[in-house]
PDB file of N, CA and C in Angstrom:
ATOM      1  N   PRO A   1      -5.097 -10.613  20.134  1.00  0.00           N
ATOM      2  CA  PRO A   1      -3.955  -9.802  19.721  1.00  0.00           C
ATOM      3  C   PRO A   1      -3.850  -9.710  18.206  1.00  0.00           C
ATOM      4  N   GLN A   2      -3.419  -8.554  17.722  1.00  0.00           N
ATOM      5  CA  GLN A   2      -3.288  -8.399  16.276  1.00  0.00           C
ATOM      6  C   GLN A   2      -2.045  -9.144  15.823  1.00  0.00           C
ATOM      7  N   LYS A   3      -2.152  -9.789  14.661  1.00  0.00           N
ATOM      8  CA  LYS A   3      -0.991 -10.545  14.217  1.00  0.00           C
ATOM      9  C   LYS A   3       0.070  -9.618  13.643  1.00  0.00           C
ATOM     10  N   LYS A   4       1.308 -10.040  13.798  1.00  0.00           N
ATOM     11  CA  LYS A   4       2.423  -9.254  13.286  1.00  0.00           C
ATOM     12  C   LYS A   4       2.584  -9.586  11.812  1.00  0.00           C
ATOM     13  N   ILE A   5       2.690  -8.548  10.986  1.00  0.00           N
ATOM     14  CA  ILE A   5       2.743  -8.814   9.554  1.00  0.00           C
ATOM     15  C   ILE A   5       4.065  -8.378   8.943  1.00  0.00           C
ATOM     16  N   ASN A   6       5.048  -8.108   9.791  1.00  0.00           N
ATOM     17  CA  ASN A   6       6.329  -7.684   9.254  1.00  0.00           C
ATOM     18  C   ASN A   6       7.420  -7.957  10.268  1.00  0.00           C
ATOM     19  N   SER A   7       8.640  -7.822   9.849  1.00  0.00           N
ATOM     20  CA  SER A   7       9.760  -8.143  10.720  1.00  0.00           C
ATOM     21  C   SER A   7      10.027  -7.062  11.764  1.00  0.00           C
ATOM     22  N   TYR A   8       9.287  -5.954  11.699  1.00  0.00           N
ATOM     23  CA  TYR A   8       9.525  -4.885  12.667  1.00  0.00           C
ATOM     24  C   TYR A   8       8.615  -5.000  13.866  1.00  0.00           C
ATOM     25  N   ASN A   9       7.807  -6.061  13.881  1.00  0.00           N
ATOM     26  CA  ASN A   9       6.940  -6.298  15.031  1.00  0.00           C
ATOM     27  C   ASN A   9       5.826  -5.273  15.173  1.00  0.00           C
ATOM     28  N   LEU A  10       5.476  -4.609  14.092  1.00  0.00           N
ATOM     29  CA  LEU A  10       4.363  -3.665  14.147  1.00  0.00           C
ATOM     30  C   LEU A  10       3.081  -4.424  13.883  1.00  0.00           C
ATOM     31  N   SER A  11       2.040  -4.084  14.613  1.00  0.00           N
ATOM     32  CA  SER A  11       0.746  -4.717  14.362  1.00  0.00           C
ATOM     33  C   SER A  11       0.175  -4.157  13.063  1.00  0.00           C
ATOM     34  N   SER A  12      -0.826  -4.811  12.534  1.00  0.00           N
ATOM     35  CA  SER A  12      -1.434  -4.333  11.293  1.00  0.00           C
ATOM     36  C   SER A  12      -2.020  -2.935  11.504  1.00  0.00           C
ATOM     37  N   ARG A  13      -2.542  -2.672  12.693  1.00  0.00           N
ATOM     38  CA  ARG A  13      -3.107  -1.356  12.995  1.00  0.00           C
ATOM     39  C   ARG A  13      -2.008  -0.294  13.026  1.00  0.00           C
ATOM     40  N   GLU A  14      -0.888  -0.622  13.649  1.00  0.00           N
ATOM     41  CA  GLU A  14       0.224   0.330  13.719  1.00  0.00           C
ATOM     42  C   GLU A  14       0.740   0.647  12.317  1.00  0.00           C
ATOM     43  N   LEU A  15       0.814  -0.366  11.488  1.00  0.00           N
ATOM     44  CA  LEU A  15       1.274  -0.178  10.114  1.00  0.00           C
ATOM     45  C   LEU A  15       0.307   0.726   9.357  1.00  0.00           C
ATOM     46  N   GLU A  16      -0.989   0.496   9.571  1.00  0.00           N
ATOM     47  CA  GLU A  16      -2.030   1.292   8.933  1.00  0.00           C
ATOM     48  C   GLU A  16      -1.886   2.770   9.338  1.00  0.00           C
ATOM     49  N   ILE A  17      -1.653   3.008  10.604  1.00  0.00           N
ATOM     50  CA  ILE A  17      -1.497   4.366  11.104  1.00  0.00           C
ATOM     51  C   ILE A  17      -0.222   5.002  10.551  1.00  0.00           C
ATOM     52  N   LEU A  18       0.846   4.236  10.488  1.00  0.00           N
ATOM     53  CA  LEU A  18       2.098   4.742   9.929  1.00  0.00           C
ATOM     54  C   LEU A  18       1.917   5.140   8.463  1.00  0.00           C
ATOM     55  N   LYS A  19       1.188   4.324   7.715  1.00  0.00           N
ATOM     56  CA  LYS A  19       0.919   4.642   6.298  1.00  0.00           C
ATOM     57  C   LYS A  19       0.115   5.925   6.162  1.00  0.00           C
ATOM     58  N   LEU A  20      -0.951   6.043   6.914  1.00  0.00           N
ATOM     59  CA  LEU A  20      -1.794   7.239   6.836  1.00  0.00           C
ATOM     60  C   LEU A  20      -1.019   8.471   7.271  1.00  0.00           C
ATOM     61  N   TRP A  21      -0.278   8.338   8.354  1.00  0.00           N
ATOM     62  CA  TRP A  21       0.479   9.452   8.871  1.00  0.00           C
ATOM     63  C   TRP A  21       1.552   9.874   7.862  1.00  0.00           C
ATOM     64  N   GLY A  22       2.175   8.889   7.240  1.00  0.00           N
ATOM     65  CA  GLY A  22       3.189   9.165   6.235  1.00  0.00           C
ATOM     66  C   GLY A  22       2.603   9.766   4.968  1.00  0.00           C
ATOM     67  N   SER A  23       1.302   9.623   4.808  1.00  0.00           N
ATOM     68  CA  SER A  23       0.608  10.200   3.652  1.00  0.00           C
ATOM     69  C   SER A  23       0.006  11.565   4.007  1.00  0.00           C
ATOM     70  N   SER A  24       0.542  12.181   5.032  1.00  0.00           N
ATOM     71  CA  SER A  24       0.181  13.543   5.455  1.00  0.00           C
ATOM     72  C   SER A  24      -1.190  13.693   6.103  1.00  0.00           C
ATOM     73  N   TYR A  25      -1.753  12.612   6.591  1.00  0.00           N
ATOM     74  CA  TYR A  25      -2.997  12.739   7.353  1.00  0.00           C
ATOM     75  C   TYR A  25      -2.654  13.244   8.746  1.00  0.00           C
ATOM     76  N   THR A  26      -3.514  14.070   9.320  1.00  0.00           N
ATOM     77  CA  THR A  26      -3.302  14.532  10.698  1.00  0.00           C
ATOM     78  C   THR A  26      -3.819  13.454  11.651  1.00  0.00           C
ATOM     79  N   ASN A  27      -3.443  13.571  12.921  1.00  0.00           N
ATOM     80  CA  ASN A  27      -3.949  12.621  13.927  1.00  0.00           C
ATOM     81  C   ASN A  27      -5.472  12.616  13.923  1.00  0.00           C
ATOM     82  N   LYS A  28      -6.052  13.808  13.811  1.00  0.00           N
ATOM     83  CA  LYS A  28      -7.513  13.933  13.821  1.00  0.00           C
ATOM     84  C   LYS A  28      -8.125  13.194  12.618  1.00  0.00           C
ATOM     85  N   GLU A  29      -7.532  13.389  11.450  1.00  0.00           N
ATOM     86  CA  GLU A  29      -8.035  12.721  10.236  1.00  0.00           C
ATOM     87  C   GLU A  29      -7.893  11.206  10.328  1.00  0.00           C
ATOM     88  N   ILE A  30      -6.766  10.758  10.866  1.00  0.00           N
ATOM     89  CA  ILE A  30      -6.557   9.312  11.032  1.00  0.00           C
ATOM     90  C   ILE A  30      -7.605   8.751  11.994  1.00  0.00           C
ATOM     91  N   ALA A  31      -7.817   9.462  13.096  1.00  0.00           N
ATOM     92  CA  ALA A  31      -8.798   9.024  14.097  1.00  0.00           C
ATOM     93  C   ALA A  31     -10.185   8.893  13.476  1.00  0.00           C
ATOM     94  N   GLU A  32     -10.583   9.896  12.692  1.00  0.00           N
ATOM     95  CA  GLU A  32     -11.911   9.863  12.059  1.00  0.00           C
ATOM     96  C   GLU A  32     -12.007   8.734  11.034  1.00  0.00           C
ATOM     97  N   LYS A  33     -10.957   8.568  10.259  1.00  0.00           N
ATOM     98  CA  LYS A  33     -10.943   7.547   9.214  1.00  0.00           C
ATOM     99  C   LYS A  33     -11.031   6.132   9.801  1.00  0.00           C
ATOM    100  N   LEU A  34     -10.358   5.919  10.936  1.00  0.00           N
ATOM    101  CA  LEU A  34     -10.305   4.578  11.537  1.00  0.00           C
ATOM    102  C   LEU A  34     -11.303   4.394  12.684  1.00  0.00           C
ATOM    103  N   PHE A  35     -12.108   5.422  12.928  1.00  0.00           N
ATOM    104  CA  PHE A  35     -13.115   5.370  14.006  1.00  0.00           C
ATOM    105  C   PHE A  35     -12.501   5.076  15.370  1.00  0.00           C
ATOM    106  N   ILE A  36     -11.400   5.767  15.664  1.00  0.00           N
ATOM    107  CA  ILE A  36     -10.757   5.661  16.976  1.00  0.00           C
ATOM    108  C   ILE A  36     -10.506   7.087  17.476  1.00  0.00           C
ATOM    109  N   SER A  37     -10.119   7.212  18.738  1.00  0.00           N
ATOM    110  CA  SER A  37      -9.888   8.556  19.281  1.00  0.00           C
ATOM    111  C   SER A  37      -8.509   9.067  18.874  1.00  0.00           C
ATOM    112  N   ILE A  38      -8.362  10.381  18.918  1.00  0.00           N
ATOM    113  CA  ILE A  38      -7.075  11.005  18.603  1.00  0.00           C
ATOM    114  C   ILE A  38      -6.020  10.474  19.576  1.00  0.00           C
ATOM    115  N   ARG A  39      -6.433  10.307  20.793  1.00  0.00           N
ATOM    116  CA  ARG A  39      -5.542   9.795  21.837  1.00  0.00           C
ATOM    117  C   ARG A  39      -5.011   8.401  21.473  1.00  0.00           C
ATOM    118  N   THR A  40      -5.864   7.574  20.911  1.00  0.00           N
ATOM    119  CA  THR A  40      -5.461   6.228  20.489  1.00  0.00           C
ATOM    120  C   THR A  40      -4.455   6.313  19.343  1.00  0.00           C
ATOM    121  N   VAL A  41      -4.679   7.233  18.423  1.00  0.00           N
ATOM    122  CA  VAL A  41      -3.738   7.433  17.310  1.00  0.00           C
ATOM    123  C   VAL A  41      -2.374   7.815  17.884  1.00  0.00           C
ATOM    124  N   GLU A  42      -2.358   8.755  18.815  1.00  0.00           N
ATOM    125  CA  GLU A  42      -1.097   9.197  19.431  1.00  0.00           C
ATOM    126  C   GLU A  42      -0.413   8.046  20.156  1.00  0.00           C
ATOM    127  N   SER A  43      -1.209   7.253  20.826  1.00  0.00           N
ATOM    128  CA  SER A  43      -0.691   6.102  21.546  1.00  0.00           C
ATOM    129  C   SER A  43      -0.052   5.099  20.576  1.00  0.00           C
ATOM    130  N   HIS A  44      -0.727   4.819  19.464  1.00  0.00           N
ATOM    131  CA  HIS A  44      -0.166   3.920  18.445  1.00  0.00           C
ATOM    132  C   HIS A  44       1.155   4.470  17.918  1.00  0.00           C
ATOM    133  N   LYS A  45       1.192   5.764  17.648  1.00  0.00           N
ATOM    134  CA  LYS A  45       2.419   6.382  17.130  1.00  0.00           C
ATOM    135  C   LYS A  45       3.562   6.232  18.127  1.00  0.00           C
ATOM    136  N   ASN A  46       3.255   6.450  19.404  1.00  0.00           N
ATOM    137  CA  ASN A  46       4.288   6.288  20.434  1.00  0.00           C
ATOM    138  C   ASN A  46       4.810   4.858  20.474  1.00  0.00           C
ATOM    139  N   HIS A  47       3.905   3.896  20.341  1.00  0.00           N
ATOM    140  CA  HIS A  47       4.326   2.489  20.337  1.00  0.00           C
ATOM    141  C   HIS A  47       5.209   2.191  19.130  1.00  0.00           C
ATOM    142  N   ILE A  48       4.830   2.736  17.985  1.00  0.00           N
ATOM    143  CA  ILE A  48       5.614   2.535  16.764  1.00  0.00           C
ATOM    144  C   ILE A  48       7.025   3.094  16.973  1.00  0.00           C
ATOM    145  N   MET A  49       7.108   4.302  17.506  1.00  0.00           N
ATOM    146  CA  MET A  49       8.405   4.945  17.740  1.00  0.00           C
ATOM    147  C   MET A  49       9.260   4.108  18.705  1.00  0.00           C
ATOM    148  N   GLN A  50       8.627   3.589  19.750  1.00  0.00           N
ATOM    149  CA  GLN A  50       9.354   2.770  20.725  1.00  0.00           C
ATOM    150  C   GLN A  50       9.842   1.468  20.094  1.00  0.00           C
ATOM    151  N   LYS A  51       8.944   0.785  19.384  1.00  0.00           N
ATOM    152  CA  LYS A  51       9.304  -0.490  18.768  1.00  0.00           C
ATOM    153  C   LYS A  51      10.446  -0.341  17.767  1.00  0.00           C
ATOM    154  N   LEU A  52      10.443   0.756  17.033  1.00  0.00           N
ATOM    155  CA  LEU A  52      11.457   0.979  16.005  1.00  0.00           C
ATOM    156  C   LEU A  52      12.662   1.744  16.541  1.00  0.00           C
ATOM    157  N   ASN A  53      12.581   2.109  17.821  1.00  0.00           N
ATOM    158  CA  ASN A  53      13.665   2.835  18.474  1.00  0.00           C
ATOM    159  C   ASN A  53      13.966   4.156  17.771  1.00  0.00           C
ATOM    160  N   MET A  54      12.903   4.889  17.434  1.00  0.00           N
ATOM    161  CA  MET A  54      13.050   6.169  16.747  1.00  0.00           C
ATOM    162  C   MET A  54      12.915   7.307  17.752  1.00  0.00           C
ATOM    163  N   LYS A  55      13.696   8.347  17.518  1.00  0.00           N
ATOM    164  CA  LYS A  55      13.661   9.500  18.424  1.00  0.00           C
ATOM    165  C   LYS A  55      12.753  10.606  17.888  1.00  0.00           C
ATOM    166  N   THR A  56      12.709  10.756  16.569  1.00  0.00           N
ATOM    167  CA  THR A  56      11.928  11.849  15.991  1.00  0.00           C
ATOM    168  C   THR A  56      10.979  11.335  14.917  1.00  0.00           C
ATOM    169  N   THR A  57       9.996  12.152  14.604  1.00  0.00           N
ATOM    170  CA  THR A  57       9.055  11.775  13.550  1.00  0.00           C
ATOM    171  C   THR A  57       9.742  11.783  12.191  1.00  0.00           C
ATOM    172  N   VAL A  58      10.796  12.584  12.056  1.00  0.00           N
ATOM    173  CA  VAL A  58      11.553  12.583  10.802  1.00  0.00           C
ATOM    174  C   VAL A  58      12.181  11.202  10.589  1.00  0.00           C
ATOM    175  N   ASP A  59      12.728  10.623  11.650  1.00  0.00           N
ATOM    176  CA  ASP A  59      13.293   9.271  11.561  1.00  0.00           C
ATOM    177  C   ASP A  59      12.222   8.285  11.110  1.00  0.00           C
ATOM    178  N   LEU A  60      11.027   8.475  11.634  1.00  0.00           N
ATOM    179  CA  LEU A  60       9.910   7.595  11.304  1.00  0.00           C
ATOM    180  C   LEU A  60       9.554   7.690   9.817  1.00  0.00           C
ATOM    181  N   VAL A  61       9.533   8.898   9.288  1.00  0.00           N
ATOM    182  CA  VAL A  61       9.241   9.098   7.866  1.00  0.00           C
ATOM    183  C   VAL A  61      10.328   8.446   7.014  1.00  0.00           C
ATOM    184  N   LYS A  62      11.583   8.650   7.396  1.00  0.00           N
ATOM    185  CA  LYS A  62      12.700   8.051   6.649  1.00  0.00           C
ATOM    186  C   LYS A  62      12.572   6.532   6.651  1.00  0.00           C
ATOM    187  N   PHE A  63      12.240   5.972   7.812  1.00  0.00           N
ATOM    188  CA  PHE A  63      12.061   4.528   7.932  1.00  0.00           C
ATOM    189  C   PHE A  63      10.946   4.036   7.003  1.00  0.00           C
ATOM    190  N   ALA A  64       9.831   4.748   7.029  1.00  0.00           N
ATOM    191  CA  ALA A  64       8.669   4.357   6.212  1.00  0.00           C
ATOM    192  C   ALA A  64       9.000   4.420   4.720  1.00  0.00           C
ATOM    193  N   LEU A  65       9.767   5.414   4.310  1.00  0.00           N
ATOM    194  CA  LEU A  65      10.176   5.535   2.909  1.00  0.00           C
ATOM    195  C   LEU A  65      11.137   4.410   2.523  1.00  0.00           C
ATOM    196  N   LYS A  66      12.151   4.198   3.346  1.00  0.00           N
ATOM    197  CA  LYS A  66      13.160   3.170   3.062  1.00  0.00           C
ATOM    198  C   LYS A  66      12.550   1.787   2.947  1.00  0.00           C
ATOM    199  N   ASN A  67      11.499   1.545   3.732  1.00  0.00           N
ATOM    200  CA  ASN A  67      10.892   0.214   3.778  1.00  0.00           C
ATOM    201  C   ASN A  67       9.626   0.113   2.918  1.00  0.00           C
ATOM    202  N   ASN A  68       9.467   1.073   2.019  1.00  0.00           N
ATOM    203  CA  ASN A  68       8.332   1.071   1.091  1.00  0.00           C
ATOM    204  C   ASN A  68       6.973   0.995   1.763  1.00  0.00           C
ATOM    205  N   ILE A  69       6.881   1.579   2.944  1.00  0.00           N
ATOM    206  CA  ILE A  69       5.588   1.641   3.626  1.00  0.00           C
ATOM    207  C   ILE A  69       4.813   2.815   3.061  1.00  0.00           C
ATOM    208  N   ILE A  70       5.551   3.881   2.711  1.00  0.00           N
ATOM    209  CA  ILE A  70       4.946   5.032   2.028  1.00  0.00           C
ATOM    210  C   ILE A  70       5.806   5.392   0.818  1.00  0.00           C
ATOM    211  N   GLN A  71       5.201   6.064  -0.146  1.00  0.00           N
ATOM    212  CA  GLN A  71       5.919   6.550  -1.316  1.00  0.00           C
ATOM    213  C   GLN A  71       5.767   8.052  -1.401  1.00  0.00           C
ATOM    214  N   ILE A  72       6.735   8.679  -2.053  1.00  0.00           N
ATOM    215  CA  ILE A  72       6.654  10.139  -2.239  1.00  0.00           C
ATOM    216  C   ILE A  72       5.785  10.416  -3.446  1.00  0.00           C
TER     217      ILE A  72
END
């Protein structure tokens, strides 16, 4: 199991995907960059949304900004 590296219970992989996604990478680009399938990227995103109890991707971006996971 991947170790949890933050208080939000996100795995290091989920955090990595959140950072890339927040930096305007598409699912396809993230998949290619991390050598995983697009489906896996989508699955990680869904898990992130569930863990953080987010309803929309906008909420996810706001969360990532507030918590210094991504910068503008």
